[in-house]
């Protein structure tokens, strides 16, 4: 609770703050499905010894630019586009992390988001220092800068939890896909199999996808292609997916 004398100290003249301001950043956990696994985009930090965590891998992000960013989400969108060259079809605020020790440069607070992208080559201005990592290796062999390992683990848990009862994996799909393609992406994110007929029934009843006037031809019989309907937010299902068994 802020006491009256604290408020008087904070405002010494019109709009003037006497309290030091913390460093304020936005970090984005960017997920995609590549090579049959869930992957996250990491950025290698500069190798300059004056930099915190030189040459370490980290989540994409950076300082809020008060002249360019109208709000935190605007900053997240800007950082995402800088590193990937695209605007994510799905972006969600994950949470905030702050302490006097997370950044050696001073008291720091970061506001984290997670984003979903269909698999595509990186085309942003910072793509040269960016690389996709399977989520298992990013948590294990790599030591991430700052508290980004904790943020990443929180994002993975949030994503997998929401996939149980929402249409989030649809934002990881290419423009056209089959129902088995969509089921496979759900299974990759959840890290477990789903029952085929129940999955198909749920997807077709959810008003989430629509057929296109093409079939995918292959060694087996042709498969119907679908596309995602233009929905501004994910669809929520009445119940979670049950493992087959």
Protein backbone atom coordinates (compact mmCIF):
# COMPACT_ATOMS: atom_id res chain seq x y z
CA UNK A 1 0.00 0.00 0.00
CA UNK A 2 1.39 3.45 -0.93
CA UNK A 3 1.22 5.90 1.98
CA UNK A 4 0.48 9.60 1.57
CA UNK A 5 4.06 10.66 2.34
CA UNK A 6 5.35 8.21 -0.29
CA UNK A 7 3.09 9.80 -2.89
CA UNK A 8 4.40 13.25 -1.95
CA UNK A 9 7.99 12.02 -2.34
CA UNK A 10 7.24 10.39 -5.70
CA UNK A 11 5.75 13.56 -7.14
CA UNK A 12 8.14 16.45 -6.59
CA UNK A 13 6.65 18.92 -8.98
CA UNK A 14 4.26 18.18 -11.86
CA UNK A 15 4.76 14.63 -13.08
CA UNK A 16 8.26 14.22 -11.63
CA UNK A 17 9.19 10.85 -10.11
CA UNK A 18 11.93 10.59 -7.50
CA UNK A 19 11.90 6.80 -7.45
CA UNK A 20 14.34 5.02 -9.81
CA UNK A 21 12.58 3.30 -12.68
CA UNK A 22 13.19 -0.44 -13.30
CA UNK A 23 14.38 -1.71 -16.65
CA UNK A 24 11.26 -2.76 -18.58
CA UNK A 25 11.37 -5.37 -21.32
CA UNK A 26 9.04 -7.63 -23.28
CA UNK A 27 10.00 -11.22 -24.18
CA UNK A 28 8.14 -13.49 -26.58
CA UNK A 29 8.07 -17.30 -26.51
CA UNK A 30 7.49 -18.23 -30.18
CA UNK A 31 6.34 -21.79 -30.86
CA UNK A 32 6.05 -23.71 -34.11
CA UNK A 33 5.94 -27.35 -35.21
CA UNK A 34 8.92 -28.30 -37.38
CA UNK A 35 10.25 -31.71 -38.35
CA UNK A 36 7.50 -33.38 -36.35
CA UNK A 37 8.32 -31.74 -33.00
CA UNK A 38 7.30 -28.65 -31.04
CA UNK A 39 10.05 -26.06 -31.35
CA UNK A 40 10.80 -22.66 -29.82
CA UNK A 41 12.69 -19.74 -31.35
CA UNK A 42 15.81 -18.64 -29.47
CA UNK A 43 18.16 -15.75 -30.14
CA UNK A 44 21.91 -15.80 -29.52
CA UNK A 45 22.94 -12.76 -27.54
CA UNK A 46 25.95 -10.61 -28.60
CA UNK A 47 29.34 -12.01 -27.61
CA UNK A 48 30.56 -8.64 -26.27
CA UNK A 49 31.82 -9.13 -22.71
CA UNK A 50 30.06 -5.93 -21.64
CA UNK A 51 26.71 -7.57 -22.46
CA UNK A 52 24.81 -9.56 -19.82
CA UNK A 53 25.06 -13.29 -20.60
CA UNK A 54 27.35 -12.85 -23.63
CA UNK A 55 26.76 -15.37 -26.46
CA UNK A 56 24.05 -17.15 -24.45
CA UNK A 57 20.73 -18.18 -26.00
CA UNK A 58 17.62 -16.27 -24.96
CA UNK A 59 14.02 -15.64 -25.87
CA UNK A 60 13.42 -12.89 -28.45
CA UNK A 61 12.64 -9.58 -26.81
CA UNK A 62 14.04 -6.27 -25.69
CA UNK A 63 13.34 -2.96 -24.05
CA UNK A 64 10.02 -1.18 -24.37
CA UNK A 65 10.37 1.80 -26.72
CA UNK A 66 8.08 4.47 -25.27
CA UNK A 67 8.20 6.41 -28.52
CA UNK A 68 7.08 3.48 -30.69
CA UNK A 69 5.14 1.08 -28.45
CA UNK A 70 1.63 2.17 -27.51
CA UNK A 71 1.36 -0.69 -25.01
CA UNK A 72 3.04 -3.96 -24.04
CA UNK A 73 1.31 -5.95 -26.78
CA UNK A 74 2.50 -3.45 -29.40
CA UNK A 75 6.04 -4.05 -28.18
CA UNK A 76 5.55 -7.84 -28.35
CA UNK A 77 4.21 -7.58 -31.92
CA UNK A 78 7.19 -5.42 -32.93
CA UNK A 79 9.74 -7.81 -31.40
CA UNK A 80 8.03 -10.77 -33.04
CA UNK A 81 8.08 -9.15 -36.47
CA UNK A 82 11.71 -8.02 -36.05
CA UNK A 83 12.83 -11.61 -35.51
CA UNK A 84 10.50 -13.55 -37.82
CA UNK A 85 9.31 -11.08 -40.44
CA UNK A 86 5.66 -12.00 -39.83
CA UNK A 87 2.77 -11.19 -37.54
CA UNK A 88 1.67 -14.18 -35.48
CA UNK A 89 -1.92 -15.38 -35.93
CA UNK A 90 -2.01 -15.89 -32.14
CA UNK A 91 -0.38 -13.88 -29.36
CA UNK A 92 -1.22 -14.17 -25.65
CA UNK A 93 0.17 -12.50 -22.55
CA UNK A 94 1.84 -15.10 -20.36
CA UNK A 95 2.84 -13.21 -17.22
CA UNK A 96 5.40 -10.89 -15.65
CA UNK A 97 8.75 -11.58 -14.01
CA UNK A 98 10.72 -9.04 -12.04
CA UNK A 99 13.49 -8.81 -9.43
CA UNK A 100 16.68 -7.01 -8.49
CA UNK A 101 18.79 -10.00 -9.58
CA UNK A 102 17.39 -11.27 -12.91
CA UNK A 103 19.44 -8.72 -14.91
CA UNK A 104 22.95 -7.66 -13.81
CA UNK A 105 22.32 -4.17 -15.18
CA UNK A 106 19.77 -3.38 -12.45
CA UNK A 107 16.23 -3.94 -11.16
CA UNK A 108 14.36 -5.42 -14.11
CA UNK A 109 10.82 -6.45 -14.99
CA UNK A 110 9.82 -8.32 -18.14
CA UNK A 111 6.36 -8.96 -19.50
CA UNK A 112 6.25 -12.25 -21.39
CA UNK A 113 3.98 -13.31 -24.25
CA UNK A 114 3.71 -16.52 -26.21
CA UNK A 115 3.00 -16.73 -29.93
CA UNK A 116 2.14 -19.50 -32.38
CA UNK A 117 3.46 -19.61 -35.96
CA UNK A 118 3.00 -22.02 -38.85
CA UNK A 119 6.37 -23.49 -39.83
CA UNK A 120 8.13 -21.08 -42.20
CA UNK A 121 11.67 -19.80 -42.86
CA UNK A 122 12.72 -16.89 -40.68
CA UNK A 123 12.72 -13.64 -42.64
CA UNK A 124 13.10 -10.91 -40.01
CA UNK A 125 15.94 -8.44 -39.69
CA UNK A 126 17.39 -10.45 -36.80
CA UNK A 127 16.99 -13.87 -38.40
CA UNK A 128 20.77 -14.44 -38.66
CA UNK A 129 21.12 -14.79 -34.90
CA UNK A 130 17.90 -16.83 -34.47
CA UNK A 131 17.41 -20.59 -34.46
CA UNK A 132 14.62 -23.06 -33.79
CA UNK A 133 15.18 -25.58 -30.98
CA UNK A 134 13.04 -28.57 -29.94
CA UNK A 135 11.56 -27.68 -26.57
CA UNK A 136 13.32 -30.64 -24.91
CA UNK A 137 16.81 -29.48 -25.84
CA UNK A 138 16.08 -25.88 -24.95
CA UNK A 139 15.26 -26.93 -21.39
CA UNK A 140 18.06 -29.45 -21.05
CA UNK A 141 21.42 -28.90 -22.74
CA UNK A 142 21.11 -25.14 -23.22
CA UNK A 143 21.47 -22.69 -20.34
CA UNK A 144 19.24 -19.76 -21.22
CA UNK A 145 20.01 -16.16 -20.29
CA UNK A 146 18.25 -14.28 -17.48
CA UNK A 147 15.27 -16.27 -16.16
CA UNK A 148 14.20 -17.33 -19.65
CA UNK A 149 14.28 -21.06 -18.84
CA UNK A 150 11.56 -20.46 -16.24
CA UNK A 151 9.54 -18.32 -18.65
CA UNK A 152 9.85 -20.97 -21.37
CA UNK A 153 8.73 -23.75 -19.04
CA UNK A 154 5.72 -21.68 -17.98
CA UNK A 155 4.82 -21.08 -21.65
CA UNK A 156 5.06 -24.80 -22.48
CA UNK A 157 2.78 -25.67 -19.57
CA UNK A 158 0.30 -22.93 -20.52
CA UNK A 159 0.21 -24.04 -24.15
CA UNK A 160 -0.28 -27.73 -23.34
CA UNK A 161 -2.93 -26.95 -20.76
CA UNK A 162 -4.95 -24.79 -23.16
CA UNK A 163 -4.61 -27.24 -26.04
CA UNK A 164 -6.61 -29.76 -23.96
CA UNK A 165 -9.76 -27.67 -24.39
CA UNK A 166 -9.14 -25.14 -27.22
CA UNK A 167 -8.36 -24.90 -30.92
CA UNK A 168 -4.88 -23.35 -30.42
CA UNK A 169 -3.00 -25.91 -32.59
CA UNK A 170 -4.96 -24.66 -35.61
CA UNK A 171 -2.74 -21.54 -35.51
CA UNK A 172 0.28 -23.80 -36.13
CA UNK A 173 -1.17 -25.15 -39.38
CA UNK A 174 -0.29 -24.18 -42.97
CA UNK A 175 -3.02 -22.56 -45.11
CA UNK A 176 -4.37 -25.98 -46.19
CA UNK A 177 -4.22 -29.26 -44.31
CA UNK A 178 -6.01 -32.57 -43.78
CA UNK A 179 -7.73 -33.72 -40.60
CA UNK A 180 -4.91 -36.24 -39.92
CA UNK A 181 -2.43 -33.33 -40.26
CA UNK A 182 -4.35 -31.35 -37.65
CA UNK A 183 -4.62 -34.32 -35.31
CA UNK A 184 -0.89 -34.94 -35.60
CA UNK A 185 -0.12 -31.34 -34.54
CA UNK A 186 -2.43 -31.70 -31.54
CA UNK A 187 -0.61 -34.89 -30.60
CA UNK A 188 2.81 -33.27 -31.00
CA UNK A 189 1.89 -30.40 -28.70
CA UNK A 190 0.18 -32.63 -26.13
CA UNK A 191 2.92 -35.27 -26.42
CA UNK A 192 0.39 -38.10 -26.52
CA UNK A 193 -1.96 -39.77 -29.04
CA UNK A 194 -5.64 -38.94 -29.51
CA UNK A 195 -8.51 -41.15 -30.61
CA UNK A 196 -9.11 -40.61 -34.33
CA UNK A 197 -12.91 -40.74 -34.63
CA UNK A 198 -13.54 -38.61 -31.53
CA UNK A 199 -11.03 -36.03 -32.74
CA UNK A 200 -12.61 -35.87 -36.19
CA UNK A 201 -16.10 -35.48 -34.73
CA UNK A 202 -14.99 -32.67 -32.44
CA UNK A 203 -13.17 -30.71 -35.16
CA UNK A 204 -16.02 -30.93 -37.65
CA UNK A 205 -18.61 -29.96 -35.04
CA UNK A 206 -16.63 -27.00 -33.74
CA UNK A 207 -17.17 -24.69 -36.74
CA UNK A 208 -13.40 -24.26 -36.78
CA UNK A 209 -12.40 -25.47 -40.25
CA UNK A 210 -13.98 -25.57 -43.68
CA UNK A 211 -13.26 -27.79 -46.72
CA UNK A 212 -11.56 -26.38 -49.79
CA UNK A 213 -12.30 -27.45 -53.35
CA UNK A 214 -9.23 -29.67 -53.55
CA UNK A 215 -8.08 -33.08 -52.44
CA UNK A 216 -4.58 -34.16 -51.49
CA UNK A 217 -3.46 -37.00 -53.72
CA UNK A 218 -1.03 -39.63 -52.51
CA UNK A 219 -0.33 -43.36 -52.45
CA UNK A 220 -3.65 -43.97 -50.65
CA UNK A 221 -7.06 -42.59 -51.47
CA UNK A 222 -7.31 -38.78 -51.88
CA UNK A 223 -7.74 -36.84 -48.64
CA UNK A 224 -10.00 -33.81 -48.20
CA UNK A 225 -8.13 -30.56 -47.61
CA UNK A 226 -9.37 -27.98 -45.09
CA UNK A 227 -8.52 -24.45 -44.06
CA UNK A 228 -9.02 -22.55 -40.85
CA UNK A 229 -12.06 -20.31 -40.72
CA UNK A 230 -11.32 -16.67 -39.97
CA UNK A 231 -11.85 -16.52 -36.23
CA UNK A 232 -10.43 -13.74 -34.08
CA UNK A 233 -10.03 -15.94 -31.02
CA UNK A 234 -9.63 -19.68 -30.36
CA UNK A 235 -12.63 -21.94 -29.94
CA UNK A 236 -13.20 -23.44 -26.49
CA UNK A 237 -14.48 -26.99 -26.23
CA UNK A 238 -16.92 -28.16 -23.57
CA UNK A 239 -14.55 -30.88 -22.36
CA UNK A 240 -10.90 -31.86 -22.58
CA UNK A 241 -9.44 -34.52 -24.86
CA UNK A 242 -9.30 -37.97 -23.35
CA UNK A 243 -6.34 -40.24 -24.09
CA UNK A 244 -7.28 -43.31 -26.17
CA UNK A 245 -7.50 -46.51 -24.21
